[in-house]
Amino acid sequence: MKLLSGTAIVITLGALWPASAQTSTDSALPKQIYGRVQVLDGSTIEFIKPRKIVRLAGFLAPRLDQLATTDSVEWPPGQVARAWLILRTLQHDVNCASVTTDANGTILAHCFVEETNLAATAIAEGIGYAFNFPGEPQVPAYFDIERRARGLGFGIWSDPKLPPPWNLKPDHAAAPAAGSTSEETPDPGLPLPPPAPASPDNSP
């Protein structure tokens, strides 16, 4: 499975749209969450303190039980995505700018380790898919990054028969719709990381 360094993603951040992460009008939604995390699956993390579950906005990893086949070799893309996210966040503070919540109340956010955009880098390396939950503002640059990863056959794109997770039987009734569009006007680039707080925000 070919991987692409996240360096290119970091370099391009400064040239793209300014730090104006879209946020929900819900006053209960925290604007920013910062600290150490536990990885739940390939696209979901849980902050240790405060206890908040966050799904990476604009991104969806394969399900943990999925299997892919590349050059006659079986491998678990969902488990690979989870391990990738663990390695990216282990011993690092994660800085998330909230966007909205999904149908289950999980926070959707653009998340960064230092200047590295986790979702954009994962998509570039073929770890998962550019994806939007219903009502979630799109980041068109993610789909551009995905097209390049697909063309190069990185990661999940090395198995053309691998079904995207939204085409599988849902684990619950409120399954997301693939590539859903928003009525809001999409912004033309990648989100920039929000300013890191001087110290972790321990407020609930």
Protein backbone atom coordinates (compact mmCIF):
# COMPACT_ATOMS: atom_id res chain seq x y z
CA MET A 1 0.00 0.00 0.00
CA LYS A 2 1.52 3.30 -1.10
CA LEU A 3 1.55 6.20 1.32
CA LEU A 4 2.15 9.88 0.74
CA SER A 5 3.87 12.11 3.25
CA GLY A 6 1.65 14.77 4.83
CA THR A 7 4.32 17.40 4.23
CA ALA A 8 2.68 18.71 1.06
CA ILE A 9 -0.56 19.30 2.93
CA VAL A 10 1.20 21.34 5.59
CA ILE A 11 3.02 23.46 3.00
CA THR A 12 -0.15 24.38 1.12
CA LEU A 13 -2.11 25.47 4.18
CA GLY A 14 -0.60 28.92 4.30
CA ALA A 15 -1.65 29.68 0.73
CA LEU A 16 -5.30 28.80 1.24
CA TRP A 17 -8.27 30.50 2.78
CA PRO A 18 -7.81 32.19 6.17
CA ALA A 19 -8.68 30.71 9.53
CA SER A 20 -12.43 31.10 9.40
CA ALA A 21 -13.66 27.64 10.34
CA GLN A 22 -17.40 27.31 9.89
CA THR A 23 -19.26 26.74 13.13
CA SER A 24 -22.77 25.79 14.05
CA THR A 25 -25.17 28.36 15.43
CA ASP A 26 -25.76 26.00 18.35
CA SER A 27 -24.46 27.89 21.39
CA ALA A 28 -23.75 24.58 23.15
CA LEU A 29 -21.20 23.62 20.52
CA PRO A 30 -17.66 24.35 21.76
CA LYS A 31 -15.77 26.59 19.34
CA GLN A 32 -12.46 24.89 20.00
CA ILE A 33 -11.32 21.70 21.75
CA TYR A 34 -7.68 21.10 22.60
CA GLY A 35 -5.76 18.31 24.30
CA ARG A 36 -4.82 14.64 24.22
CA VAL A 37 -7.15 12.14 22.59
CA GLN A 38 -8.11 8.49 22.50
CA VAL A 39 -8.73 7.14 18.98
CA LEU A 40 -12.05 5.31 18.64
CA ASP A 41 -11.93 4.47 14.93
CA GLY A 42 -10.32 5.75 11.75
CA SER A 43 -12.21 9.04 11.77
CA THR A 44 -13.34 9.50 15.38
CA ILE A 45 -11.44 10.63 18.46
CA GLU A 46 -12.39 11.23 22.08
CA PHE A 47 -10.70 13.98 24.05
CA ILE A 48 -9.47 12.83 27.44
CA LYS A 49 -10.22 16.16 29.11
CA PRO A 50 -12.78 17.54 28.44
CA ARG A 51 -14.66 14.33 27.55
CA LYS A 52 -15.78 15.16 24.00
CA ILE A 53 -16.22 12.79 21.06
CA VAL A 54 -15.21 14.35 17.74
CA ARG A 55 -15.44 13.06 14.18
CA LEU A 56 -13.10 14.56 11.59
CA ALA A 57 -15.12 16.89 9.37
CA GLY A 58 -15.05 16.22 5.64
CA PHE A 59 -13.59 12.73 6.07
CA LEU A 60 -14.74 9.16 6.61
CA ALA A 61 -12.56 6.10 7.15
CA PRO A 62 -13.52 2.56 6.17
CA ARG A 63 -15.36 0.56 8.82
CA LEU A 64 -13.23 -1.43 11.25
CA ASP A 65 -14.55 -4.76 9.97
CA GLN A 66 -13.91 -4.12 6.28
CA LEU A 67 -11.33 -6.05 4.26
CA ALA A 68 -9.51 -4.89 1.13
CA THR A 69 -7.44 -6.92 -1.33
CA THR A 70 -4.35 -5.51 -3.04
CA ASP A 71 -2.21 -7.72 -5.29
CA SER A 72 -3.97 -10.79 -3.81
CA VAL A 73 -3.10 -9.68 -0.27
CA GLU A 74 -5.95 -9.05 2.17
CA TRP A 75 -5.64 -6.16 4.61
CA PRO A 76 -8.04 -4.32 6.97
CA PRO A 77 -8.38 -0.69 5.78
CA GLY A 78 -10.50 0.37 8.76
CA GLN A 79 -7.94 -0.98 11.21
CA VAL A 80 -5.15 0.64 9.19
CA ALA A 81 -7.00 3.98 9.36
CA ARG A 82 -7.38 3.65 13.13
CA ALA A 83 -3.69 2.79 13.56
CA TRP A 84 -2.74 5.73 11.29
CA LEU A 85 -4.76 8.14 13.43
CA ILE A 86 -3.26 6.71 16.64
CA LEU A 87 0.27 7.25 15.33
CA ARG A 88 -0.57 10.80 14.20
CA THR A 89 -2.01 11.82 17.57
CA LEU A 90 -0.03 9.74 20.08
CA GLN A 91 1.89 12.01 22.51
CA HIS A 92 0.53 15.09 20.73
CA ASP A 93 -2.13 17.62 21.61
CA VAL A 94 -4.93 17.79 19.05
CA ASN A 95 -6.51 21.13 18.20
CA CYS A 96 -10.06 20.97 16.79
CA ALA A 97 -12.29 23.75 15.45
CA SER A 98 -15.93 22.66 15.65
CA VAL A 99 -18.15 22.83 12.56
CA THR A 100 -21.47 21.26 13.58
CA THR A 101 -22.89 18.03 15.01
CA ASP A 102 -24.11 14.94 13.15
CA ALA A 103 -27.46 13.16 13.57
CA ASN A 104 -26.16 11.40 16.69
CA GLY A 105 -24.89 14.58 18.34
CA THR A 106 -21.22 13.83 17.66
CA ILE A 107 -19.16 16.97 17.08
CA LEU A 108 -17.76 17.38 13.56
CA ALA A 109 -14.55 19.41 13.56
CA HIS A 110 -11.46 20.27 11.55
CA CYS A 111 -8.63 18.83 13.63
CA PHE A 112 -4.91 19.51 13.57
CA VAL A 113 -1.70 18.27 15.16
CA GLU A 114 0.43 21.40 15.09
CA GLU A 115 -0.02 22.61 11.46
CA THR A 116 -1.02 19.23 10.04
CA ASN A 117 -4.64 18.90 8.92
CA LEU A 118 -5.52 15.33 9.92
CA ALA A 119 -8.42 14.83 7.49
CA ALA A 120 -6.62 16.32 4.48
CA THR A 121 -3.49 14.28 5.15
CA ALA A 122 -5.46 11.05 5.63
CA ILE A 123 -7.28 11.62 2.34
CA ALA A 124 -3.98 12.36 0.55
CA GLU A 125 -2.48 9.10 1.80
CA GLY A 126 -5.47 6.98 0.78
CA ILE A 127 -6.48 6.29 4.37
CA GLY A 128 -10.14 7.22 3.80
CA TYR A 129 -12.66 9.23 1.82
CA ALA A 130 -13.59 12.87 1.35
CA PHE A 131 -17.11 12.84 2.78
CA ASN A 132 -19.78 15.14 4.16
CA PHE A 133 -22.56 14.39 6.60
CA PRO A 134 -25.94 16.00 5.88
CA GLY A 135 -25.79 19.73 6.59
CA GLU A 136 -22.00 19.76 6.90
CA PRO A 137 -20.26 22.49 4.83
CA GLN A 138 -18.04 21.02 2.13
CA VAL A 139 -14.32 21.62 1.71
CA PRO A 140 -13.84 21.28 -2.07
CA ALA A 141 -10.06 20.89 -1.66
CA TYR A 142 -10.63 17.54 0.08
CA PHE A 143 -12.30 16.13 -3.04
CA ASP A 144 -9.44 17.43 -5.18
CA ILE A 145 -6.97 15.68 -2.87
CA GLU A 146 -9.02 12.48 -3.05
CA ARG A 147 -9.00 12.50 -6.86
CA ARG A 148 -5.20 12.62 -6.83
CA ALA A 149 -4.92 9.79 -4.29
CA ARG A 150 -7.38 7.73 -6.34
CA GLY A 151 -5.45 8.35 -9.55
CA LEU A 152 -2.21 7.23 -7.91
CA GLY A 153 -3.80 4.12 -6.39
CA PHE A 154 -2.89 5.02 -2.81
CA GLY A 155 -4.27 3.01 0.11
CA ILE A 156 -7.98 2.25 -0.25
CA TRP A 157 -7.77 3.07 -3.95
CA SER A 158 -5.44 0.10 -4.51
CA ASP A 159 -8.56 -2.10 -4.29
CA PRO A 160 -11.12 -0.95 -6.87
CA LYS A 161 -13.69 -3.39 -5.46
CA LEU A 162 -13.58 -2.01 -1.91
CA PRO A 163 -17.07 -0.63 -1.16
CA PRO A 164 -17.21 2.75 0.61
CA PRO A 165 -18.59 2.45 4.14
CA TRP A 166 -21.81 4.33 3.31
CA ASN A 167 -22.76 1.54 0.87
CA LEU A 168 -22.63 -1.09 3.60
CA LYS A 169 -25.45 -2.07 5.91
CA PRO A 170 -25.50 0.67 8.58
CA ASP A 171 -24.66 -0.07 12.20
CA HIS A 172 -27.60 2.11 13.24
CA ALA A 173 -30.71 3.65 11.73
CA ALA A 174 -29.26 7.14 11.22
CA ALA A 175 -26.72 6.33 8.53
CA PRO A 176 -25.10 9.34 6.82
CA ALA A 177 -25.72 10.12 3.18
CA ALA A 178 -22.61 9.93 1.04
CA GLY A 179 -21.23 13.17 -0.33
CA SER A 180 -24.22 15.12 0.91
CA THR A 181 -24.36 18.74 -0.19
CA SER A 182 -24.99 21.77 1.92
CA GLU A 183 -27.15 24.78 1.08
CA GLU A 184 -24.33 26.96 2.34
CA THR A 185 -21.80 28.30 -0.14
CA PRO A 186 -18.67 26.13 0.16
CA ASP A 187 -15.35 27.73 0.96
CA PRO A 188 -12.69 27.27 -1.70
CA GLY A 189 -9.82 25.70 0.23
CA LEU A 190 -8.52 23.89 3.27
CA PRO A 191 -9.32 25.02 6.79
CA LEU A 192 -6.40 26.49 8.68
CA PRO A 193 -5.66 25.39 12.23
CA PRO A 194 -7.24 27.54 14.95
CA PRO A 195 -4.83 29.27 17.33
CA ALA A 196 -3.69 26.86 20.03
CA PRO A 197 -4.69 27.95 23.53
CA ALA A 198 -1.93 28.80 25.97
CA SER A 199 -3.05 25.84 28.07
CA PRO A 200 -5.57 23.03 27.44
CA ASP A 201 -9.20 24.06 27.90
CA ASN A 202 -10.47 21.93 30.76
CA SER A 203 -13.94 23.39 30.80
CA PRO A 204 -16.75 20.84 30.24
